[in-house]
C-alpha atoms as a PDB file:
ATOM      1  CA  MET A   1     -32.773  -8.729   2.072  1.00  0.00           C
ATOM      2  CA  THR A   2     -32.509  -4.948   2.518  1.00  0.00           C
ATOM      3  CA  PRO A   3     -29.999  -2.946   0.485  1.00  0.00           C
ATOM      4  CA  ALA A   4     -27.882  -2.491   3.630  1.00  0.00           C
ATOM      5  CA  GLU A   5     -27.877  -6.251   4.205  1.00  0.00           C
ATOM      6  CA  GLU A   6     -26.913  -6.860   0.569  1.00  0.00           C
ATOM      7  CA  LEU A   7     -24.035  -4.413   0.842  1.00  0.00           C
ATOM      8  CA  THR A   8     -22.854  -6.028   4.079  1.00  0.00           C
ATOM      9  CA  ALA A   9     -23.157  -9.545   2.639  1.00  0.00           C
ATOM     10  CA  ALA A  10     -21.097  -8.569  -0.404  1.00  0.00           C
ATOM     11  CA  ALA A  11     -18.446  -6.985   1.823  1.00  0.00           C
ATOM     12  CA  ASP A  12     -18.413 -10.083   4.044  1.00  0.00           C
ATOM     13  CA  LEU A  13     -17.966 -12.316   0.991  1.00  0.00           C
ATOM     14  CA  LEU A  14     -15.311 -10.159  -0.627  1.00  0.00           C
ATOM     15  CA  GLN A  15     -13.126  -9.190   2.333  1.00  0.00           C
ATOM     16  CA  PRO A  16     -11.631 -12.622   3.155  1.00  0.00           C
ATOM     17  CA  LEU A  17     -10.951 -13.180  -0.550  1.00  0.00           C
ATOM     18  CA  VAL A  18      -9.190  -9.804  -0.754  1.00  0.00           C
ATOM     19  CA  GLU A  19      -7.092 -10.583   2.305  1.00  0.00           C
ATOM     20  CA  ALA A  20      -6.151 -14.041   0.994  1.00  0.00           C
ATOM     21  CA  ALA A  21      -5.293 -12.691  -2.464  1.00  0.00           C
ATOM     22  CA  GLN A  22      -3.133  -9.934  -1.001  1.00  0.00           C
ATOM     23  CA  ALA A  23      -1.326 -12.410   1.263  1.00  0.00           C
ATOM     24  CA  ASP A  24      -0.771 -14.705  -1.722  1.00  0.00           C
ATOM     25  CA  LEU A  25       0.533 -11.800  -3.778  1.00  0.00           C
ATOM     26  CA  GLU A  26       2.999 -10.916  -1.032  1.00  0.00           C
ATOM     27  CA  THR A  27       4.233 -14.437  -0.230  1.00  0.00           C
ATOM     28  CA  ALA A  28       3.637 -16.991  -2.990  1.00  0.00           C
ATOM     29  CA  ASP A  29       6.589 -17.959  -5.150  1.00  0.00           C
ATOM     30  CA  TYR A  30       4.545 -17.518  -8.313  1.00  0.00           C
ATOM     31  CA  TRP A  31       4.501 -13.742  -7.913  1.00  0.00           C
ATOM     32  CA  LYS A  32       8.200 -13.313  -7.001  1.00  0.00           C
ATOM     33  CA  CYS A  33       9.363 -13.065 -10.610  1.00  0.00           C
ATOM     34  CA  TYR A  34       7.344  -9.868 -11.035  1.00  0.00           C
ATOM     35  CA  ASP A  35       7.924  -6.360  -9.779  1.00  0.00           C
ATOM     36  CA  GLN A  36       5.797  -6.064  -6.616  1.00  0.00           C
ATOM     37  CA  ALA A  37       4.178  -2.856  -7.875  1.00  0.00           C
ATOM     38  CA  THR A  38       2.847  -4.518 -11.036  1.00  0.00           C
ATOM     39  CA  ALA A  39       2.836  -8.210 -10.094  1.00  0.00           C
ATOM     40  CA  TRP A  40      -0.936  -8.643 -10.138  1.00  0.00           C
ATOM     41  CA  ARG A  41      -1.331  -7.121 -13.572  1.00  0.00           C
ATOM     42  CA  ASP A  42       1.765  -8.749 -15.043  1.00  0.00           C
ATOM     43  CA  GLY A  43       0.948 -12.167 -13.613  1.00  0.00           C
ATOM     44  CA  PHE A  44      -2.534 -12.297 -15.083  1.00  0.00           C
ATOM     45  CA  ILE A  45      -1.565 -10.852 -18.442  1.00  0.00           C
ATOM     46  CA  ASN A  46       1.444 -13.174 -18.706  1.00  0.00           C
ATOM     47  CA  GLY A  47      -0.353 -16.188 -17.263  1.00  0.00           C
ATOM     48  CA  MET A  48      -3.552 -16.086 -19.299  1.00  0.00           C
ATOM     49  CA  GLY A  49      -3.347 -13.343 -21.896  1.00  0.00           C
ATOM     50  CA  GLY A  50      -6.233 -11.893 -23.848  1.00  0.00           C
ATOM     51  CA  LYS A  51      -8.875  -9.327 -23.026  1.00  0.00           C
ATOM     52  CA  CYS A  52     -10.165 -11.304 -20.014  1.00  0.00           C
ATOM     53  CA  SER A  53      -6.714 -11.053 -18.461  1.00  0.00           C
ATOM     54  CA  ASP A  54      -6.581  -7.359 -19.236  1.00  0.00           C
ATOM     55  CA  LEU A  55      -9.821  -6.921 -17.314  1.00  0.00           C
ATOM     56  CA  VAL A  56      -8.845  -9.146 -14.367  1.00  0.00           C
ATOM     57  CA  ALA A  57      -5.501  -7.360 -14.154  1.00  0.00           C
ATOM     58  CA  LEU A  58      -7.334  -4.137 -13.272  1.00  0.00           C
ATOM     59  CA  PHE A  59      -9.270  -5.744 -10.418  1.00  0.00           C
ATOM     60  CA  THR A  60      -6.418  -5.867  -7.931  1.00  0.00           C
ATOM     61  CA  PRO A  61      -6.749  -6.632  -4.208  1.00  0.00           C
ATOM     62  CA  VAL A  62      -6.412  -2.887  -3.573  1.00  0.00           C
ATOM     63  CA  PHE A  63      -9.366  -2.244  -5.895  1.00  0.00           C
ATOM     64  CA  ALA A  64     -11.422  -4.984  -4.232  1.00  0.00           C
ATOM     65  CA  LEU A  65     -10.607  -3.630  -0.768  1.00  0.00           C
ATOM     66  CA  GLU A  66     -11.971  -0.250  -1.862  1.00  0.00           C
ATOM     67  CA  LEU A  67     -15.193  -2.015  -2.902  1.00  0.00           C
ATOM     68  CA  VAL A  68     -15.389  -3.578   0.564  1.00  0.00           C
ATOM     69  CA  ARG A  69     -14.948  -0.129   2.114  1.00  0.00           C
ATOM     70  CA  LEU A  70     -17.596   1.364  -0.160  1.00  0.00           C
ATOM     71  CA  PHE A  71     -20.073  -1.410   0.665  1.00  0.00           C
ATOM     72  CA  ARG A  72     -19.511  -1.089   4.415  1.00  0.00           C
ATOM     73  CA  SER A  73     -19.745   2.696   4.291  1.00  0.00           C
ATOM     74  CA  GLU A  74     -22.992   2.643   2.321  1.00  0.00           C
ATOM     75  CA  ALA A  75     -24.440  -0.097   4.550  1.00  0.00           C
ATOM     76  CA  ARG A  76     -23.681   2.002   7.649  1.00  0.00           C
ATOM     77  CA  ARG A  77     -25.187   5.076   6.036  1.00  0.00           C
ATOM     78  CA  LEU A  78     -28.362   3.188   5.158  1.00  0.00           C
ATOM     79  CA  THR A  79     -28.596   1.572   8.581  1.00  0.00           C
ATOM     80  CA  ILE A  80     -28.429   4.862  10.475  1.00  0.00           C
ATOM     81  CA  HIS A  81     -30.454   6.911   8.013  1.00  0.00           C
ATOM     82  CA  THR A  82     -33.717   8.073   9.536  1.00  0.00           C
ATOM     83  CA  HIS A  83     -35.224   9.844   6.541  1.00  0.00           C
ATOM     84  CA  PRO A  84     -38.785   8.543   5.940  1.00  0.00           C
ATOM     85  CA  ASP A  85     -38.038   7.999   2.246  1.00  0.00           C
ATOM     86  CA  TRP A  86     -34.742   6.188   2.879  1.00  0.00           C
ATOM     87  CA  GLN A  87     -35.151   4.226  -0.342  1.00  0.00           C
ATOM     88  CA  ASP A  88     -34.483   7.487  -2.176  1.00  0.00           C
ATOM     89  CA  VAL A  89     -30.989   7.673  -0.694  1.00  0.00           C
ATOM     90  CA  VAL A  90     -29.911   4.129  -1.504  1.00  0.00           C
ATOM     91  CA  ALA A  91     -26.717   4.177  -3.558  1.00  0.00           C
ATOM     92  CA  PRO A  92     -28.053   2.312  -6.600  1.00  0.00           C
ATOM     93  CA  HIS A  93     -24.676   1.623  -8.157  1.00  0.00           C
ATOM     94  CA  ALA A  94     -23.157   0.307  -4.936  1.00  0.00           C
ATOM     95  CA  VAL A  95     -26.161  -1.981  -4.434  1.00  0.00           C
ATOM     96  CA  ALA A  96     -25.936  -3.142  -8.058  1.00  0.00           C
ATOM     97  CA  LEU A  97     -22.259  -4.007  -7.544  1.00  0.00           C
ATOM     98  CA  ALA A  98     -23.075  -5.862  -4.333  1.00  0.00           C
ATOM     99  CA  ARG A  99     -25.821  -7.831  -6.075  1.00  0.00           C
ATOM    100  CA  ALA A 100     -23.472  -8.740  -8.925  1.00  0.00           C
ATOM    101  CA  ILE A 101     -20.911 -10.029  -6.440  1.00  0.00           C
ATOM    102  CA  LEU A 102     -23.587 -12.006  -4.627  1.00  0.00           C
ATOM    103  CA  GLY A 103     -24.715 -13.513  -7.924  1.00  0.00           C
ATOM    104  CA  GLY A 104     -28.089 -11.840  -7.988  1.00  0.00           C
ATOM    105  CA  GLY A 105     -27.406  -8.856 -10.213  1.00  0.00           C
ATOM    106  CA  ARG A 106     -30.978  -7.860 -10.910  1.00  0.00           C
END
């Protein structure tokens, strides 16, 4: 799989999860007891507690949507890039994030 394909695959995997999580956050009864602006963070910290919750609380749907946008942007850039040494312009951190999401973080 090329880096552009990895970035696209990660975006394709993440986007429906982001959309579902955001819809859940906006409509599910569980979240209604929290202030909408901090519901994600407060729900995870209150629901699970500990350092894992602190970390998950930072990875909001808004954050994940920005990852999707980054992946799609970098995939487009790589797809249209005509430089003969295109490997030199691969965004290594974006590809590493995509690989981690896909479960193949090499």
